[in-house]
Structures are given as C-alpha cells and as structure tokens.
Amino acid sequence: MLVKYILGIYMDMIFGFWDMEKGSLLKKMRRNFNLKNPPLRNTAVVFPYGWTALRFVADNPGAWAFHCHIEPHFHMGMGVIFAEGVHRVKKIPNQALACGLAEKMFLMNNEHN
C-alpha cells in the first residue's frame, strides 16, 4: 500500500520551515528552488517515491525532532534529531525534573550519591 508521509518539525510554537520544492524520484530533480517567496509551513506532505527540499533557520538551542507523523515509519528511520547550539543549553535544575513525591524521592536519592 502506498501512503503519503506527513513530516513535522517542532522547535517552538512559531517555528516553521520554507517548503522549497517537491518532486518525484521518477522525474528529474529540478535545481531551481523557490528562494524568493517559498511558503512557510510546519508540516510537509511527501508522496510515495517523492521528496521535498526544506530550508529552515536553526537558531533555537536544543535537540529537535523532525519526523514522520506515522509512528511505524518513524521507527523505520523516517526521523532525525537536529541538535542546535547544544553547548548553549544550560543544566536542567533538579526541581524541574520531578514534582510531589517523585521530587522528594529524586532529591533524596541524589543526596546519597
């Protein structure tokens, strides 16, 4: 069964990418990408045997998932993690790692190590 793939990237609420070009492996890939006014999106549809060229600004530190929205496809390799500015990411405070009873257990466990 041939299905289309829906790819998404989540960096923050206002993040998007520019959909530069789409095509099929059966057709010759064009090199004339739309650099003047490409549509800004947060998802892209990739049809069977197809491709899409994306352009985005990577300026938000962290690890960000770019993946197919069909879970089995993600597990088959249709996903990637972009690590941007990881050296700028600060240590997560212990208080942010858990709350309530879990926080007390976590903090007690760390005191003994």
Protein backbone atom coordinates (compact mmCIF):
# COMPACT_ATOMS: atom_id res chain seq x y z
CA MET A 1 0.00 0.00 0.00
CA LEU A 2 1.39 3.39 -0.94
CA VAL A 3 0.82 6.17 1.53
CA LYS A 4 1.88 9.74 1.74
CA TYR A 5 4.18 10.88 4.52
CA ILE A 6 3.50 13.88 6.68
CA LEU A 7 6.65 15.30 8.17
CA GLY A 8 6.67 17.78 11.00
CA ILE A 9 9.25 19.64 12.98
CA TYR A 10 8.62 21.09 16.42
CA MET A 11 11.02 23.66 17.76
CA ASP A 12 8.55 26.04 19.33
CA MET A 13 5.09 27.42 18.68
CA ILE A 14 6.15 29.84 15.95
CA PHE A 15 8.79 27.73 14.23
CA GLY A 16 8.38 26.80 10.62
CA PHE A 17 10.34 25.90 7.54
CA TRP A 18 10.19 27.02 3.96
CA ASP A 19 8.92 24.43 1.51
CA MET A 20 11.43 24.93 -1.29
CA GLU A 21 10.44 22.30 -3.83
CA LYS A 22 8.67 18.95 -4.23
CA GLY A 23 9.15 16.20 -6.74
CA SER A 24 9.21 12.55 -7.56
CA LEU A 25 12.10 10.15 -7.95
CA LEU A 26 10.60 9.29 -11.32
CA LYS A 27 11.17 12.84 -12.57
CA LYS A 28 14.47 14.65 -12.85
CA MET A 29 15.14 16.76 -9.75
CA ARG A 30 14.99 20.43 -10.62
CA ARG A 31 17.60 22.77 -9.21
CA ASN A 32 15.53 25.93 -9.48
CA PHE A 33 14.30 26.19 -5.91
CA ASN A 34 11.87 28.95 -5.00
CA LEU A 35 14.18 31.20 -2.96
CA LYS A 36 12.12 34.40 -3.35
CA ASN A 37 8.79 33.59 -1.69
CA PRO A 38 8.57 29.95 -0.58
CA PRO A 39 5.59 29.08 1.65
CA LEU A 40 6.30 28.95 5.40
CA ARG A 41 4.99 25.70 6.92
CA ASN A 42 5.31 23.42 9.93
CA THR A 43 4.40 20.22 8.06
CA ALA A 44 5.12 18.90 4.57
CA VAL A 45 3.49 16.09 2.63
CA VAL A 46 5.88 13.72 0.84
CA PHE A 47 4.13 11.41 -1.61
CA PRO A 48 5.30 7.83 -2.32
CA TYR A 49 8.69 7.80 -4.05
CA GLY A 50 8.77 11.55 -3.63
CA TRP A 51 10.99 14.12 -1.99
CA THR A 52 10.77 17.62 -0.64
CA ALA A 53 13.50 20.19 -0.08
CA LEU A 54 13.19 22.23 3.10
CA ARG A 55 15.02 25.28 4.39
CA PHE A 56 14.94 26.47 7.99
CA VAL A 57 16.80 28.67 10.44
CA ALA A 58 18.42 26.65 13.24
CA ASP A 59 18.82 29.26 15.97
CA ASN A 60 16.95 27.79 18.96
CA PRO A 61 19.31 25.75 21.20
CA GLY A 62 18.30 22.21 21.97
CA ALA A 63 17.52 18.84 20.39
CA TRP A 64 14.58 18.96 17.99
CA ALA A 65 12.70 16.09 16.36
CA PHE A 66 11.93 16.12 12.64
CA HIS A 67 9.79 13.08 11.94
CA CYS A 68 7.09 11.33 10.02
CA HIS A 69 3.71 11.53 11.77
CA ILE A 70 3.02 7.85 11.11
CA GLU A 71 4.68 6.15 14.08
CA PRO A 72 5.81 2.90 12.39
CA HIS A 73 7.51 4.99 9.70
CA PHE A 74 9.40 6.89 12.40
CA HIS A 75 10.66 3.59 13.80
CA MET A 76 11.74 2.56 10.29
CA GLY A 77 14.04 5.55 10.09
CA MET A 78 11.89 8.42 8.85
CA GLY A 79 13.05 10.75 11.56
CA VAL A 80 16.08 12.71 12.60
CA ILE A 81 17.11 14.80 15.59
CA PHE A 82 18.69 18.19 14.94
CA ALA A 83 20.99 19.25 17.76
CA GLU A 84 21.38 23.03 17.57
CA GLY A 85 23.64 25.03 19.89
CA VAL A 86 23.81 22.20 22.43
CA HIS A 87 26.78 23.90 24.10
CA ARG A 88 24.43 26.81 24.94
CA VAL A 89 21.87 24.60 26.74
CA LYS A 90 22.17 25.03 30.49
CA LYS A 91 21.90 22.24 33.07
CA ILE A 92 18.30 21.45 34.00
CA PRO A 93 17.63 22.34 37.65
CA ASN A 94 16.78 19.35 39.85
CA GLN A 95 13.47 20.99 40.78
CA ALA A 96 12.36 20.81 37.14
CA LEU A 97 12.92 17.06 36.85
CA ALA A 98 10.09 15.92 39.12
CA CYS A 99 7.36 17.16 41.44
CA GLY A 100 5.49 15.97 44.51
CA LEU A 101 6.56 12.63 45.97
CA ALA A 102 8.69 11.84 42.91
CA GLU A 103 10.67 15.03 43.52
CA LYS A 104 11.31 14.08 47.17
CA MET A 105 12.48 10.61 46.16
CA PHE A 106 14.69 12.01 43.39
CA LEU A 107 16.32 14.59 45.66
CA MET A 108 16.83 12.03 48.47
CA ASN A 109 18.43 9.62 46.02
CA ASN A 110 20.81 12.32 44.76
CA GLU A 111 21.87 13.24 48.32
CA HIS A 112 23.08 9.67 48.88
CA ASN A 113 25.20 9.60 45.68
